[in-house]
Amino acid sequence: MKTQHSAVIKCFRCDLGGEYTSNKFYQLLALDGTIHQASYTDTPEHNGVAERKHRHIIETAYSLLLSTSVPSKFWGEAVLTVLILINTISSSHSSCLSPFEKLYWRYVPDYSSFRVFGYICFVLCPHAERSKLSSRSAIYVFWVMMKVKRGIVVLIQ
């Protein structure tokens, strides 16, 4: 088993919550020589680093939702935005480098695509969908900084 960057996974840690307990998964790990370490369920203190990171992501997403008055049903978009921010903004804990810069050491992240989460934006309507007297743009709400091909994700207001 390899990651998207062709790195070999040496050790896989999880709790015994049920997600990674199938025999096929254990066989896949054993086939590649990956060590499987499991902690007891409902004991987050045994998985401290992952639990703290998860808490950081969820609390930051929650603060995004609250600060922009976005309904909580869009928590997934908030989490995606938080992950993009965490992975591209530099940190003093990692020699003022972002995780993106550490992974792709030749490239600096592109901050020009950053937008404000949950704010109103105007999207140009295609020529086929408008007439001479209709509006050239529509009001949308910006949700996710993720680029999809050559665009960004917005929702209709």
C-alpha atoms as a PDB file:
ATOM      1  CA  MET A   1       0.000   0.000   0.000  1.00  0.00           C
ATOM      2  CA  LYS A   2       1.397   3.381  -1.015  1.00  0.00           C
ATOM      3  CA  THR A   3       0.278   6.968  -0.674  1.00  0.00           C
ATOM      4  CA  GLN A   4      -0.435   9.320  -3.564  1.00  0.00           C
ATOM      5  CA  HIS A   5       3.218  10.408  -3.372  1.00  0.00           C
ATOM      6  CA  SER A   6       4.528   6.807  -3.629  1.00  0.00           C
ATOM      7  CA  ALA A   7       5.591   6.711   0.019  1.00  0.00           C
ATOM      8  CA  VAL A   8       5.255   3.385   1.811  1.00  0.00           C
ATOM      9  CA  ILE A   9       3.049   3.329   4.912  1.00  0.00           C
ATOM     10  CA  LYS A  10       5.138   1.853   7.722  1.00  0.00           C
ATOM     11  CA  CYS A  11       2.605   1.898  10.537  1.00  0.00           C
ATOM     12  CA  PHE A  12      -1.185   2.271  10.546  1.00  0.00           C
ATOM     13  CA  ARG A  13      -2.786   3.347  13.840  1.00  0.00           C
ATOM     14  CA  CYS A  14      -6.501   3.343  14.583  1.00  0.00           C
ATOM     15  CA  ASP A  15      -8.963   2.524  17.312  1.00  0.00           C
ATOM     16  CA  LEU A  16     -11.101  -0.584  17.175  1.00  0.00           C
ATOM     17  CA  GLY A  17     -14.215   1.421  16.316  1.00  0.00           C
ATOM     18  CA  GLY A  18     -15.129  -0.785  13.387  1.00  0.00           C
ATOM     19  CA  GLU A  19     -13.923   1.201  10.370  1.00  0.00           C
ATOM     20  CA  TYR A  20     -10.683  -0.722   9.859  1.00  0.00           C
ATOM     21  CA  THR A  21     -11.367  -4.133  11.375  1.00  0.00           C
ATOM     22  CA  SER A  22     -12.119  -6.327   8.361  1.00  0.00           C
ATOM     23  CA  ASN A  23      -9.918  -9.325   7.608  1.00  0.00           C
ATOM     24  CA  LYS A  24      -9.344  -8.101   4.046  1.00  0.00           C
ATOM     25  CA  PHE A  25      -7.917  -4.846   5.383  1.00  0.00           C
ATOM     26  CA  TYR A  26      -5.597  -6.710   7.784  1.00  0.00           C
ATOM     27  CA  GLN A  27      -4.437  -8.908   4.893  1.00  0.00           C
ATOM     28  CA  LEU A  28      -3.760  -5.841   2.739  1.00  0.00           C
ATOM     29  CA  LEU A  29      -1.642  -4.304   5.504  1.00  0.00           C
ATOM     30  CA  ALA A  30       0.246  -7.566   6.066  1.00  0.00           C
ATOM     31  CA  LEU A  31       0.872  -7.982   2.340  1.00  0.00           C
ATOM     32  CA  ASP A  32       2.792  -4.703   2.227  1.00  0.00           C
ATOM     33  CA  GLY A  33       4.526  -5.198   5.577  1.00  0.00           C
ATOM     34  CA  THR A  34       2.619  -2.376   7.268  1.00  0.00           C
ATOM     35  CA  ILE A  35       2.405  -2.648  11.050  1.00  0.00           C
ATOM     36  CA  HIS A  36      -1.146  -2.316  12.385  1.00  0.00           C
ATOM     37  CA  GLN A  37      -1.464  -0.761  15.838  1.00  0.00           C
ATOM     38  CA  ALA A  38      -4.875  -0.508  17.447  1.00  0.00           C
ATOM     39  CA  SER A  39      -6.027   1.236  20.600  1.00  0.00           C
ATOM     40  CA  TYR A  40      -9.228   0.637  22.530  1.00  0.00           C
ATOM     41  CA  THR A  41     -12.439   2.306  21.417  1.00  0.00           C
ATOM     42  CA  ASP A  42     -13.627   5.418  23.239  1.00  0.00           C
ATOM     43  CA  THR A  43     -10.127   6.190  24.528  1.00  0.00           C
ATOM     44  CA  PRO A  44      -9.058   9.301  22.604  1.00  0.00           C
ATOM     45  CA  GLU A  45      -6.164   9.819  25.016  1.00  0.00           C
ATOM     46  CA  HIS A  46      -4.413   6.858  23.352  1.00  0.00           C
ATOM     47  CA  ASN A  47      -4.494   8.670  20.031  1.00  0.00           C
ATOM     48  CA  GLY A  48      -3.539  12.140  21.248  1.00  0.00           C
ATOM     49  CA  VAL A  49      -1.983  13.772  18.172  1.00  0.00           C
ATOM     50  CA  ALA A  50      -4.781  12.742  15.816  1.00  0.00           C
ATOM     51  CA  GLU A  51      -7.476  13.723  18.328  1.00  0.00           C
ATOM     52  CA  ARG A  52      -5.942  17.177  18.857  1.00  0.00           C
ATOM     53  CA  LYS A  53      -5.675  17.732  15.093  1.00  0.00           C
ATOM     54  CA  HIS A  54      -9.267  16.591  14.605  1.00  0.00           C
ATOM     55  CA  ARG A  55     -10.412  18.935  17.378  1.00  0.00           C
ATOM     56  CA  HIS A  56      -8.479  21.835  15.811  1.00  0.00           C
ATOM     57  CA  ILE A  57     -10.105  21.212  12.416  1.00  0.00           C
ATOM     58  CA  ILE A  58     -13.642  20.900  13.810  1.00  0.00           C
ATOM     59  CA  GLU A  59     -13.353  23.948  16.097  1.00  0.00           C
ATOM     60  CA  THR A  60     -11.937  26.098  13.298  1.00  0.00           C
ATOM     61  CA  ALA A  61     -14.736  24.993  10.950  1.00  0.00           C
ATOM     62  CA  TYR A  62     -17.285  25.749  13.676  1.00  0.00           C
ATOM     63  CA  SER A  63     -15.852  29.245  14.130  1.00  0.00           C
ATOM     64  CA  LEU A  64     -16.038  29.805  10.351  1.00  0.00           C
ATOM     65  CA  LEU A  65     -19.714  28.843  10.369  1.00  0.00           C
ATOM     66  CA  LEU A  66     -20.500  31.045  13.367  1.00  0.00           C
ATOM     67  CA  SER A  67     -18.564  34.100  12.197  1.00  0.00           C
ATOM     68  CA  THR A  68     -20.262  34.116   8.793  1.00  0.00           C
ATOM     69  CA  SER A  69     -23.758  33.080  10.003  1.00  0.00           C
ATOM     70  CA  VAL A  70     -23.711  30.114   7.617  1.00  0.00           C
ATOM     71  CA  PRO A  71     -26.159  27.290   8.473  1.00  0.00           C
ATOM     72  CA  SER A  72     -24.558  24.273  10.140  1.00  0.00           C
ATOM     73  CA  LYS A  73     -25.716  21.995   7.300  1.00  0.00           C
ATOM     74  CA  PHE A  74     -22.707  23.339   5.362  1.00  0.00           C
ATOM     75  CA  TRP A  75     -20.202  21.977   7.887  1.00  0.00           C
ATOM     76  CA  GLY A  76     -18.557  19.835   5.190  1.00  0.00           C
ATOM     77  CA  GLU A  77     -17.699  22.870   3.075  1.00  0.00           C
ATOM     78  CA  ALA A  78     -16.350  24.626   6.166  1.00  0.00           C
ATOM     79  CA  VAL A  79     -14.119  21.625   6.980  1.00  0.00           C
ATOM     80  CA  LEU A  80     -12.794  21.542   3.394  1.00  0.00           C
ATOM     81  CA  THR A  81     -11.978  25.243   3.599  1.00  0.00           C
ATOM     82  CA  VAL A  82     -10.223  24.768   6.958  1.00  0.00           C
ATOM     83  CA  LEU A  83      -8.134  21.908   5.568  1.00  0.00           C
ATOM     84  CA  ILE A  84      -7.077  24.017   2.587  1.00  0.00           C
ATOM     85  CA  LEU A  85      -6.107  26.860   4.927  1.00  0.00           C
ATOM     86  CA  ILE A  86      -4.178  24.609   7.328  1.00  0.00           C
ATOM     87  CA  ASN A  87      -2.273  22.956   4.493  1.00  0.00           C
ATOM     88  CA  THR A  88      -1.296  26.168   2.690  1.00  0.00           C
ATOM     89  CA  ILE A  89      -0.615  28.687   5.481  1.00  0.00           C
ATOM     90  CA  SER A  90       2.830  28.558   7.048  1.00  0.00           C
ATOM     91  CA  SER A  91       3.293  27.740  10.714  1.00  0.00           C
ATOM     92  CA  SER A  92       5.929  28.754  13.236  1.00  0.00           C
ATOM     93  CA  HIS A  93       5.977  25.126  14.445  1.00  0.00           C
ATOM     94  CA  SER A  94       7.376  23.941  11.130  1.00  0.00           C
ATOM     95  CA  SER A  95      10.171  26.447  10.401  1.00  0.00           C
ATOM     96  CA  CYS A  96       7.661  28.916   8.912  1.00  0.00           C
ATOM     97  CA  LEU A  97       6.798  26.459   6.142  1.00  0.00           C
ATOM     98  CA  SER A  98       3.346  25.217   5.232  1.00  0.00           C
ATOM     99  CA  PRO A  99       2.623  21.489   4.900  1.00  0.00           C
ATOM    100  CA  PHE A 100       2.257  22.166   1.159  1.00  0.00           C
ATOM    101  CA  GLU A 101       5.793  23.634   1.014  1.00  0.00           C
ATOM    102  CA  LYS A 102       7.209  20.706   2.986  1.00  0.00           C
ATOM    103  CA  LEU A 103       5.604  18.222   0.616  1.00  0.00           C
ATOM    104  CA  TYR A 104       6.364  20.073  -2.617  1.00  0.00           C
ATOM    105  CA  TRP A 105       9.588  21.761  -1.557  1.00  0.00           C
ATOM    106  CA  ARG A 106      10.103  23.534  -4.884  1.00  0.00           C
ATOM    107  CA  TYR A 107       6.730  25.254  -4.961  1.00  0.00           C
ATOM    108  CA  VAL A 108       5.231  28.065  -2.919  1.00  0.00           C
ATOM    109  CA  PRO A 109       1.448  27.869  -2.391  1.00  0.00           C
ATOM    110  CA  ASP A 110      -0.726  30.111  -4.535  1.00  0.00           C
ATOM    111  CA  TYR A 111      -2.663  32.446  -2.250  1.00  0.00           C
ATOM    112  CA  SER A 112      -4.358  34.313  -5.107  1.00  0.00           C
ATOM    113  CA  SER A 113      -7.259  31.823  -5.110  1.00  0.00           C
ATOM    114  CA  PHE A 114      -8.151  32.509  -1.455  1.00  0.00           C
ATOM    115  CA  ARG A 115     -11.597  34.000  -0.934  1.00  0.00           C
ATOM    116  CA  VAL A 116     -13.649  34.848   2.143  1.00  0.00           C
ATOM    117  CA  PHE A 117     -15.826  31.932   3.271  1.00  0.00           C
ATOM    118  CA  GLY A 118     -19.605  32.472   3.259  1.00  0.00           C
ATOM    119  CA  TYR A 119     -19.658  35.864   1.577  1.00  0.00           C
ATOM    120  CA  ILE A 120     -21.722  37.050  -1.354  1.00  0.00           C
ATOM    121  CA  CYS A 121     -20.082  36.974  -4.763  1.00  0.00           C
ATOM    122  CA  PHE A 122     -21.272  37.703  -8.284  1.00  0.00           C
ATOM    123  CA  VAL A 123     -20.930  35.010 -10.937  1.00  0.00           C
ATOM    124  CA  LEU A 124     -21.024  35.820 -14.640  1.00  0.00           C
ATOM    125  CA  CYS A 125     -23.970  34.135 -16.364  1.00  0.00           C
ATOM    126  CA  PRO A 126     -23.197  32.328 -19.647  1.00  0.00           C
ATOM    127  CA  HIS A 127     -24.294  34.073 -22.862  1.00  0.00           C
ATOM    128  CA  ALA A 128     -26.768  31.267 -23.612  1.00  0.00           C
ATOM    129  CA  GLU A 129     -28.638  31.877 -20.348  1.00  0.00           C
ATOM    130  CA  ARG A 130     -29.152  35.623 -20.660  1.00  0.00           C
ATOM    131  CA  SER A 131     -30.772  38.134 -22.983  1.00  0.00           C
ATOM    132  CA  LYS A 132     -29.791  41.694 -23.810  1.00  0.00           C
ATOM    133  CA  LEU A 133     -31.945  43.077 -21.014  1.00  0.00           C
ATOM    134  CA  SER A 134     -31.228  40.489 -18.315  1.00  0.00           C
ATOM    135  CA  SER A 135     -28.597  40.704 -15.644  1.00  0.00           C
ATOM    136  CA  ARG A 136     -25.101  39.608 -16.659  1.00  0.00           C
ATOM    137  CA  SER A 137     -24.337  38.134 -13.254  1.00  0.00           C
ATOM    138  CA  ALA A 138     -26.123  36.238 -10.498  1.00  0.00           C
ATOM    139  CA  ILE A 139     -25.715  36.544  -6.749  1.00  0.00           C
ATOM    140  CA  TYR A 140     -24.138  33.488  -5.128  1.00  0.00           C
ATOM    141  CA  VAL A 141     -22.524  32.646  -1.798  1.00  0.00           C
ATOM    142  CA  PHE A 142     -18.890  31.585  -1.789  1.00  0.00           C
ATOM    143  CA  TRP A 143     -18.359  28.276   0.042  1.00  0.00           C
ATOM    144  CA  VAL A 144     -15.182  26.387  -0.728  1.00  0.00           C
ATOM    145  CA  MET A 145     -11.749  27.542  -1.869  1.00  0.00           C
ATOM    146  CA  MET A 146     -11.247  24.270  -3.689  1.00  0.00           C
ATOM    147  CA  LYS A 147     -10.626  24.803  -7.375  1.00  0.00           C
ATOM    148  CA  VAL A 148     -12.716  22.617  -9.634  1.00  0.00           C
ATOM    149  CA  LYS A 149     -10.954  22.561 -12.994  1.00  0.00           C
ATOM    150  CA  ARG A 150     -10.743  26.307 -13.578  1.00  0.00           C
ATOM    151  CA  GLY A 151     -13.475  27.522 -11.246  1.00  0.00           C
ATOM    152  CA  ILE A 152     -14.518  27.674  -7.615  1.00  0.00           C
ATOM    153  CA  VAL A 153     -17.513  26.255  -5.737  1.00  0.00           C
ATOM    154  CA  VAL A 154     -20.429  28.601  -5.008  1.00  0.00           C
ATOM    155  CA  LEU A 155     -24.039  28.068  -3.979  1.00  0.00           C
ATOM    156  CA  ILE A 156     -27.122  29.978  -5.079  1.00  0.00           C
ATOM    157  CA  GLN A 157     -28.292  32.550  -2.553  1.00  0.00           C
END
